[in-house]
Amino acid sequence: MEKILSQNYFIGAILEAEKRGKEADFSGKTIEGFILSDRQIRIPLLLKNARVLGQAYFNNITFEKEINFEGAVINGAFSISESCLKENFISRKISVRESLKLIGNVFEKNLDFEGTQIRGFLSLNKSKILGKTNLKKMNVLNLQERIGTIIGNFYFEEATAKEVIIENVIIDGNLSFKNTILESLSFLNVKIKGEVRFSNKDILSAKIKERKKLETEL
């Protein structure tokens, strides 16, 4: 029978890895879900191909080293808020069932979500991204719930970012850049079922390379 790691075990293993000066490696493991807040994590945190049965929630965390969720499956909501990530945040090809919220964070290096599949909305609101933001081949899709539908909107509002790549992406809802400043934006082969929203000064400093519609939009 598959072993499911509890939240207490997950937090304890991180603390033990910090004492040993080693990475906290949960790659391929199944975790019941967790909430971490108000702490510093000084070692690499690896959850490659891990499975989280509930929510994955970080609040007010300082991540000193790289975080890697590549290939992870998160059955609940995935949230990082009011945190500082000093190294790369790698979440290529992850699957999130109940929305991805990255709100009010400082990303000092790169943010990589290439190939990510999200049910529900995606938010990068009020974040500051100093490195490259890779959103290639990402899908933000509607989530059907008993009480209704969570629209697959992508909110990138009141943020600043250096280089953003949105290519070969599907968004079921709206894409909003309200009050966001981007230095460089690559926007190619994007299918958006809703609207793309800018405010007047959003993107004056950005270099929008190109936008091409998918064949299904033509």
Protein backbone atom coordinates (compact mmCIF):
# COMPACT_ATOMS: atom_id res chain seq x y z
CA MET A 1 0.00 0.00 0.00
CA GLU A 2 1.31 3.43 -0.95
CA LYS A 3 2.68 5.40 1.98
CA ILE A 4 1.13 8.84 2.42
CA LEU A 5 3.28 11.40 4.21
CA SER A 6 1.49 13.54 6.79
CA GLN A 7 1.94 17.29 7.12
CA ASN A 8 3.83 16.77 10.39
CA TYR A 9 6.21 14.33 8.73
CA PHE A 10 6.71 16.71 5.79
CA ILE A 11 7.62 19.65 8.05
CA GLY A 12 9.77 17.48 10.31
CA ALA A 13 11.71 16.11 7.34
CA ILE A 14 12.48 19.65 6.16
CA LEU A 15 13.76 20.60 9.62
CA GLU A 16 15.89 17.46 9.80
CA ALA A 17 17.35 18.10 6.35
CA GLU A 18 18.24 21.63 7.42
CA LYS A 19 20.12 20.29 10.45
CA ARG A 20 22.11 17.98 8.19
CA GLY A 21 22.67 20.68 5.57
CA LYS A 22 21.08 18.51 2.87
CA GLU A 23 18.26 19.06 0.39
CA ALA A 24 14.74 18.09 1.42
CA ASP A 25 13.86 15.58 -1.27
CA PHE A 26 10.24 14.41 -1.57
CA SER A 27 10.51 13.44 -5.23
CA GLY A 28 8.02 10.74 -6.19
CA LYS A 29 6.39 10.80 -2.74
CA THR A 30 2.69 11.19 -1.88
CA ILE A 31 1.85 13.88 0.65
CA GLU A 32 -1.54 14.43 2.25
CA GLY A 33 -1.28 18.21 1.86
CA PHE A 34 0.41 20.92 3.87
CA ILE A 35 0.35 24.51 5.13
CA LEU A 36 3.67 26.23 5.90
CA SER A 37 3.90 29.81 7.09
CA ASP A 38 6.20 32.35 8.73
CA ARG A 39 9.53 30.59 8.33
CA GLN A 40 12.80 30.42 6.44
CA ILE A 41 13.75 27.38 4.37
CA ARG A 42 17.51 27.36 3.86
CA ILE A 43 17.89 24.21 1.75
CA PRO A 44 16.67 23.11 -1.70
CA LEU A 45 13.08 21.81 -1.63
CA LEU A 46 12.47 19.05 -4.18
CA LEU A 47 9.04 17.64 -4.99
CA LYS A 48 9.71 16.36 -8.50
CA ASN A 49 6.92 13.99 -9.65
CA ALA A 50 5.41 14.16 -6.17
CA ARG A 51 1.68 13.89 -5.54
CA VAL A 52 -0.10 16.21 -3.09
CA LEU A 53 -3.57 14.96 -2.20
CA GLY A 54 -4.80 18.24 -0.74
CA GLN A 55 -3.60 21.81 -0.85
CA ALA A 56 0.01 22.99 -1.04
CA TYR A 57 0.17 26.30 0.81
CA PHE A 58 3.14 28.54 1.59
CA ASN A 59 2.73 31.95 3.25
CA ASN A 60 5.43 34.40 4.32
CA ILE A 61 8.29 32.01 3.54
CA THR A 62 11.84 32.95 2.64
CA PHE A 63 13.21 30.28 0.31
CA GLU A 64 17.00 30.57 0.28
CA LYS A 65 17.54 27.80 -2.28
CA GLU A 66 15.84 26.37 -5.37
CA ILE A 67 12.31 24.96 -5.28
CA ASN A 68 11.53 22.21 -7.79
CA PHE A 69 7.99 20.85 -8.31
CA GLU A 70 8.62 19.56 -11.85
CA GLY A 71 6.06 16.93 -12.84
CA ALA A 72 4.17 17.17 -9.54
CA VAL A 73 0.41 16.61 -9.29
CA ILE A 74 -1.48 18.77 -6.81
CA ASN A 75 -5.10 17.76 -6.28
CA GLY A 76 -6.00 20.85 -4.25
CA ALA A 77 -5.06 24.48 -4.56
CA PHE A 78 -1.41 25.51 -4.90
CA SER A 79 -0.59 28.82 -3.22
CA ILE A 80 2.56 30.81 -2.47
CA SER A 81 1.92 34.24 -1.01
CA GLU A 82 3.89 37.11 0.56
CA SER A 83 7.10 35.13 0.16
CA CYS A 84 10.62 35.68 -1.17
CA LEU A 85 12.17 33.11 -3.51
CA LYS A 86 15.89 33.78 -3.86
CA GLU A 87 16.68 31.03 -6.36
CA ASN A 88 14.85 29.44 -9.30
CA PHE A 89 11.26 28.26 -8.93
CA ILE A 90 10.85 25.27 -11.24
CA SER A 91 7.35 23.88 -11.79
CA ARG A 92 7.53 22.52 -15.32
CA LYS A 93 4.75 20.13 -16.34
CA ILE A 94 2.90 20.28 -13.04
CA SER A 95 -0.81 19.63 -12.80
CA VAL A 96 -2.94 21.71 -10.42
CA ARG A 97 -6.61 20.91 -9.97
CA GLU A 98 -7.91 23.85 -7.92
CA SER A 99 -6.19 27.05 -9.07
CA LEU A 100 -2.64 28.33 -8.71
CA LYS A 101 -2.14 31.50 -6.64
CA LEU A 102 1.27 33.22 -6.59
CA ILE A 103 0.35 36.53 -4.98
CA GLY A 104 2.55 39.22 -3.48
CA ASN A 105 5.84 37.38 -3.91
CA VAL A 106 9.34 38.44 -4.89
CA PHE A 107 11.00 36.04 -7.35
CA GLU A 108 14.69 36.99 -7.47
CA LYS A 109 15.58 34.45 -10.17
CA ASN A 110 13.62 32.54 -12.83
CA LEU A 111 10.03 31.29 -12.75
CA ASP A 112 9.48 28.24 -14.98
CA PHE A 113 5.95 26.89 -15.58
CA GLU A 114 6.45 25.44 -19.06
CA GLY A 115 3.91 22.72 -19.82
CA THR A 116 1.84 23.36 -16.69
CA GLN A 117 -1.83 22.35 -16.61
CA ILE A 118 -4.09 24.37 -14.32
CA ARG A 119 -7.78 23.84 -13.61
CA GLY A 120 -9.27 27.02 -12.21
CA PHE A 121 -7.57 30.40 -12.29
CA LEU A 122 -3.91 31.43 -12.24
CA SER A 123 -2.80 34.57 -10.39
CA LEU A 124 0.57 36.33 -10.35
CA ASN A 125 -0.92 39.49 -8.89
CA LYS A 126 1.29 41.93 -6.96
CA SER A 127 4.41 39.90 -7.65
CA LYS A 128 7.86 41.14 -8.55
CA ILE A 129 9.81 38.89 -10.92
CA LEU A 130 13.46 39.78 -11.46
CA GLY A 131 14.37 36.86 -13.74
CA LYS A 132 12.72 35.18 -16.72
CA THR A 133 9.10 33.99 -16.54
CA ASN A 134 8.60 30.96 -18.79
CA LEU A 135 4.92 30.15 -19.40
CA LYS A 136 5.28 28.21 -22.66
CA LYS A 137 2.74 25.46 -23.42
CA MET A 138 0.71 26.29 -20.33
CA ASN A 139 -3.05 25.68 -20.14
CA VAL A 140 -5.37 27.55 -17.76
CA LEU A 141 -8.70 25.75 -18.01
CA ASN A 142 -12.15 26.01 -16.46
CA LEU A 143 -12.85 23.89 -13.40
CA GLN A 144 -16.29 22.35 -13.07
CA GLU A 145 -17.48 22.17 -9.47
CA ARG A 146 -20.80 21.14 -7.95
CA ILE A 147 -21.65 24.74 -7.14
CA GLY A 148 -20.62 26.04 -10.56
CA THR A 149 -17.65 26.73 -12.79
CA ILE A 150 -14.39 28.40 -11.81
CA ILE A 151 -13.37 30.23 -14.97
CA GLY A 152 -9.82 29.68 -16.19
CA ASN A 153 -8.71 33.31 -15.91
CA PHE A 154 -5.08 34.39 -15.81
CA TYR A 155 -4.53 37.42 -13.56
CA PHE A 156 -1.18 39.22 -13.91
CA GLU A 157 -2.16 42.50 -12.25
CA GLU A 158 -0.27 45.17 -10.28
CA ALA A 159 2.98 43.30 -10.89
CA THR A 160 6.40 43.94 -12.39
CA ALA A 161 8.39 41.50 -14.47
CA LYS A 162 11.57 41.57 -16.49
CA GLU A 163 11.04 39.01 -19.28
CA VAL A 164 7.79 37.10 -19.77
CA ILE A 165 7.28 34.36 -22.37
CA ILE A 166 3.68 33.34 -23.12
CA GLU A 167 3.76 31.03 -26.12
CA ASN A 168 1.55 28.16 -27.32
CA VAL A 169 -0.84 28.72 -24.43
CA ILE A 170 -4.56 28.09 -23.95
CA ILE A 171 -6.58 30.26 -21.56
CA ASP A 172 -10.29 29.47 -21.14
CA GLY A 173 -11.06 32.83 -19.54
CA ASN A 174 -9.53 36.32 -19.58
CA LEU A 175 -5.92 37.44 -19.44
CA SER A 176 -5.47 40.64 -17.45
CA PHE A 177 -2.32 42.79 -17.26
CA LYS A 178 -4.01 45.62 -15.37
CA ASN A 179 -1.43 48.00 -13.84
CA THR A 180 1.44 45.64 -14.64
CA ILE A 181 4.80 46.75 -16.02
CA LEU A 182 6.67 44.31 -18.25
CA GLU A 183 10.09 45.03 -19.70
CA SER A 184 9.78 42.35 -22.38
CA LEU A 185 6.83 40.19 -23.46
CA SER A 186 6.85 37.38 -26.01
CA PHE A 187 3.23 36.56 -26.90
CA LEU A 188 2.91 33.93 -29.63
CA ASN A 189 0.26 31.38 -30.63
CA VAL A 190 -2.00 32.14 -27.68
CA LYS A 191 -5.62 31.01 -27.65
CA ILE A 192 -7.73 33.11 -25.28
CA LYS A 193 -11.46 32.46 -25.12
CA GLY A 194 -12.09 35.61 -23.11
CA GLU A 195 -10.43 39.04 -23.36
CA VAL A 196 -6.92 40.44 -23.04
CA ARG A 197 -7.04 43.45 -20.75
CA PHE A 198 -4.48 46.22 -20.36
CA SER A 199 -4.72 49.57 -18.66
CA ASN A 200 -3.32 52.62 -20.46
CA LYS A 201 0.15 52.53 -18.93
CA ASP A 202 0.49 48.78 -18.47
CA ILE A 203 2.92 47.94 -21.13
CA LEU A 204 4.40 51.16 -22.44
CA SER A 205 7.91 49.95 -21.68
CA ALA A 206 7.40 46.42 -23.00
CA LYS A 207 8.55 45.05 -26.29
CA ILE A 208 5.71 42.88 -27.52
CA LYS A 209 7.33 40.69 -30.15
CA GLU A 210 4.25 39.26 -31.82
CA ARG A 211 0.84 37.69 -31.32
CA LYS A 212 -0.39 35.01 -33.67
CA LYS A 213 -3.75 33.34 -33.40
CA LEU A 214 -4.13 29.60 -33.38
CA GLU A 215 -5.89 28.06 -36.34
CA THR A 216 -8.98 27.54 -34.19
CA GLU A 217 -9.26 31.30 -33.73
CA LEU A 218 -9.09 32.15 -37.42
